[in-house]
């Protein structure tokens, strides 16, 4: 009845119950891994969509309105015109102070 052979180790549960539990645990593991993959994929998708939405929103907020574009254009035009006037006045003053082309004497008004 009691033997010391290795092949006859005592089992506390039946082989069919052992197989049933093993199969059931494998199915639970597969289901859990599947749920983890779905949660991970959905989480990554939500993060990606959120980041894209944030980037698009921030780009649209930085856009200059049409009124501000006009104001900037007018300011730039005024700056360019003021520089042109300054250099024209400077050129007139130089030409008046240089004198005539032949004698280099300044002009005198009587």
C-alpha atoms as a PDB file:
ATOM      1  CA  UNK A   1       0.000   0.000   0.000  1.00  0.00           C
ATOM      2  CA  UNK A   2       2.689   2.570   0.881  1.00  0.00           C
ATOM      3  CA  UNK A   3       5.571   2.529  -1.514  1.00  0.00           C
ATOM      4  CA  UNK A   4       8.506   4.823  -1.876  1.00  0.00           C
ATOM      5  CA  UNK A   5       8.575   4.980  -5.660  1.00  0.00           C
ATOM      6  CA  UNK A   6       8.594   8.365  -7.320  1.00  0.00           C
ATOM      7  CA  UNK A   7       5.838   7.500  -9.755  1.00  0.00           C
ATOM      8  CA  UNK A   8       3.294   7.074  -7.001  1.00  0.00           C
ATOM      9  CA  UNK A   9       3.386  10.515  -5.364  1.00  0.00           C
ATOM     10  CA  UNK A  10       0.214  11.353  -3.489  1.00  0.00           C
ATOM     11  CA  UNK A  11      -2.221  13.750  -5.198  1.00  0.00           C
ATOM     12  CA  UNK A  12      -4.643  15.825  -3.174  1.00  0.00           C
ATOM     13  CA  UNK A  13      -7.020  16.441  -6.096  1.00  0.00           C
ATOM     14  CA  UNK A  14      -8.206  14.348  -8.989  1.00  0.00           C
ATOM     15  CA  UNK A  15      -6.475  14.721 -12.359  1.00  0.00           C
ATOM     16  CA  UNK A  16      -9.690  15.889 -14.058  1.00  0.00           C
ATOM     17  CA  UNK A  17     -10.216  18.623 -11.433  1.00  0.00           C
ATOM     18  CA  UNK A  18      -6.583  19.636 -11.810  1.00  0.00           C
ATOM     19  CA  UNK A  19      -6.979  19.914 -15.598  1.00  0.00           C
ATOM     20  CA  UNK A  20     -10.217  21.875 -15.199  1.00  0.00           C
ATOM     21  CA  UNK A  21      -8.580  24.389 -12.828  1.00  0.00           C
ATOM     22  CA  UNK A  22      -5.514  24.710 -15.076  1.00  0.00           C
ATOM     23  CA  UNK A  23      -7.678  25.381 -18.149  1.00  0.00           C
ATOM     24  CA  UNK A  24      -9.869  27.812 -16.219  1.00  0.00           C
ATOM     25  CA  UNK A  25      -6.819  29.751 -14.947  1.00  0.00           C
ATOM     26  CA  UNK A  26      -5.408  29.913 -18.488  1.00  0.00           C
ATOM     27  CA  UNK A  27      -8.673  31.370 -19.770  1.00  0.00           C
ATOM     28  CA  UNK A  28      -8.727  33.917 -16.937  1.00  0.00           C
ATOM     29  CA  UNK A  29      -5.163  34.928 -17.780  1.00  0.00           C
ATOM     30  CA  UNK A  30      -6.003  35.323 -21.489  1.00  0.00           C
ATOM     31  CA  UNK A  31      -9.065  37.414 -20.646  1.00  0.00           C
ATOM     32  CA  UNK A  32      -7.085  39.620 -18.260  1.00  0.00           C
ATOM     33  CA  UNK A  33      -4.303  40.184 -20.809  1.00  0.00           C
ATOM     34  CA  UNK A  34      -6.905  41.000 -23.469  1.00  0.00           C
ATOM     35  CA  UNK A  35      -8.559  43.559 -21.196  1.00  0.00           C
ATOM     36  CA  UNK A  36      -5.153  45.085 -20.399  1.00  0.00           C
ATOM     37  CA  UNK A  37      -4.416  45.440 -24.128  1.00  0.00           C
ATOM     38  CA  UNK A  38      -7.765  47.120 -24.779  1.00  0.00           C
ATOM     39  CA  UNK A  39      -7.300  49.511 -21.860  1.00  0.00           C
ATOM     40  CA  UNK A  40      -3.743  50.311 -22.931  1.00  0.00           C
ATOM     41  CA  UNK A  41      -4.728  50.909 -26.565  1.00  0.00           C
ATOM     42  CA  UNK A  42      -7.691  53.077 -25.629  1.00  0.00           C
ATOM     43  CA  UNK A  43      -5.548  55.032 -23.159  1.00  0.00           C
ATOM     44  CA  UNK A  44      -2.840  55.697 -25.731  1.00  0.00           C
ATOM     45  CA  UNK A  45      -5.479  56.713 -28.287  1.00  0.00           C
ATOM     46  CA  UNK A  46      -7.120  59.133 -25.844  1.00  0.00           C
ATOM     47  CA  UNK A  47      -3.753  60.670 -24.946  1.00  0.00           C
ATOM     48  CA  UNK A  48      -2.851  61.042 -28.637  1.00  0.00           C
ATOM     49  CA  UNK A  49      -6.190  62.654 -29.517  1.00  0.00           C
ATOM     50  CA  UNK A  50      -5.947  64.940 -26.488  1.00  0.00           C
ATOM     51  CA  UNK A  51      -2.435  66.053 -27.427  1.00  0.00           C
ATOM     52  CA  UNK A  52      -3.474  66.687 -31.035  1.00  0.00           C
ATOM     53  CA  UNK A  53      -6.529  68.677 -29.905  1.00  0.00           C
ATOM     54  CA  UNK A  54      -4.413  70.742 -27.503  1.00  0.00           C
ATOM     55  CA  UNK A  55      -1.854  71.520 -30.219  1.00  0.00           C
ATOM     56  CA  UNK A  56      -4.549  72.539 -32.711  1.00  0.00           C
ATOM     57  CA  UNK A  57      -6.311  74.690 -30.111  1.00  0.00           C
ATOM     58  CA  UNK A  58      -3.116  76.460 -29.077  1.00  0.00           C
ATOM     59  CA  UNK A  59      -2.219  77.108 -32.731  1.00  0.00           C
ATOM     60  CA  UNK A  60      -5.627  78.622 -33.390  1.00  0.00           C
ATOM     61  CA  UNK A  61      -5.320  80.889 -30.334  1.00  0.00           C
ATOM     62  CA  UNK A  62      -1.954  82.260 -31.470  1.00  0.00           C
ATOM     63  CA  UNK A  63      -3.350  83.254 -34.850  1.00  0.00           C
ATOM     64  CA  UNK A  64      -3.421  87.035 -35.318  1.00  0.00           C
ATOM     65  CA  UNK A  65      -6.839  88.491 -36.081  1.00  0.00           C
ATOM     66  CA  UNK A  66      -7.497  90.442 -39.270  1.00  0.00           C
ATOM     67  CA  UNK A  67      -7.710  93.726 -37.348  1.00  0.00           C
ATOM     68  CA  UNK A  68      -4.336  93.120 -35.701  1.00  0.00           C
ATOM     69  CA  UNK A  69      -2.826  92.222 -39.081  1.00  0.00           C
ATOM     70  CA  UNK A  70      -4.032  95.546 -40.502  1.00  0.00           C
ATOM     71  CA  UNK A  71      -2.659  97.438 -37.518  1.00  0.00           C
ATOM     72  CA  UNK A  72       0.729  95.746 -37.874  1.00  0.00           C
ATOM     73  CA  UNK A  73       0.791  96.473 -41.611  1.00  0.00           C
ATOM     74  CA  UNK A  74      -0.056 100.162 -41.050  1.00  0.00           C
ATOM     75  CA  UNK A  75       2.597 100.455 -38.352  1.00  0.00           C
ATOM     76  CA  UNK A  76       5.190  98.896 -40.676  1.00  0.00           C
ATOM     77  CA  UNK A  77       4.185 101.211 -43.533  1.00  0.00           C
ATOM     78  CA  UNK A  78       4.447 104.273 -41.290  1.00  0.00           C
ATOM     79  CA  UNK A  79       7.883 103.168 -40.153  1.00  0.00           C
ATOM     80  CA  UNK A  80       9.112 102.697 -43.732  1.00  0.00           C
ATOM     81  CA  UNK A  81       7.677 106.058 -44.832  1.00  0.00           C
ATOM     82  CA  UNK A  82       9.284 107.848 -41.890  1.00  0.00           C
ATOM     83  CA  UNK A  83      12.669 106.366 -42.800  1.00  0.00           C
ATOM     84  CA  UNK A  84      12.226 107.405 -46.443  1.00  0.00           C
ATOM     85  CA  UNK A  85      11.346 110.980 -45.381  1.00  0.00           C
ATOM     86  CA  UNK A  86      14.305 111.092 -43.006  1.00  0.00           C
ATOM     87  CA  UNK A  87      16.786 110.061 -45.695  1.00  0.00           C
ATOM     88  CA  UNK A  88      15.245 112.438 -48.259  1.00  0.00           C
ATOM     89  CA  UNK A  89      15.568 115.340 -45.813  1.00  0.00           C
ATOM     90  CA  UNK A  90      19.117 114.299 -45.014  1.00  0.00           C
ATOM     91  CA  UNK A  91      19.983 114.210 -48.721  1.00  0.00           C
ATOM     92  CA  UNK A  92      18.454 117.685 -49.257  1.00  0.00           C
ATOM     93  CA  UNK A  93      20.476 119.126 -46.385  1.00  0.00           C
ATOM     94  CA  UNK A  94      23.675 117.603 -47.733  1.00  0.00           C
ATOM     95  CA  UNK A  95      23.055 118.907 -51.227  1.00  0.00           C
ATOM     96  CA  UNK A  96      22.330 122.421 -49.898  1.00  0.00           C
ATOM     97  CA  UNK A  97      25.399 122.477 -47.662  1.00  0.00           C
ATOM     98  CA  UNK A  98      27.778 121.159 -50.324  1.00  0.00           C
ATOM     99  CA  UNK A  99      27.412 124.169 -52.571  1.00  0.00           C
ATOM    100  CA  UNK A 100      27.612 124.363 -56.330  1.00  0.00           C
ATOM    101  CA  UNK A 101      29.223 121.631 -58.312  1.00  0.00           C
ATOM    102  CA  UNK A 102      31.925 123.804 -59.881  1.00  0.00           C
ATOM    103  CA  UNK A 103      33.243 126.003 -57.059  1.00  0.00           C
ATOM    104  CA  UNK A 104      32.032 124.106 -54.011  1.00  0.00           C
ATOM    105  CA  UNK A 105      30.842 127.394 -52.537  1.00  0.00           C
ATOM    106  CA  UNK A 106      27.640 127.312 -50.489  1.00  0.00           C
ATOM    107  CA  UNK A 107      24.528 128.946 -51.842  1.00  0.00           C
ATOM    108  CA  UNK A 108      23.649 132.339 -50.469  1.00  0.00           C
ATOM    109  CA  UNK A 109      20.254 133.897 -50.639  1.00  0.00           C
ATOM    110  CA  UNK A 110      19.874 137.636 -50.895  1.00  0.00           C
END
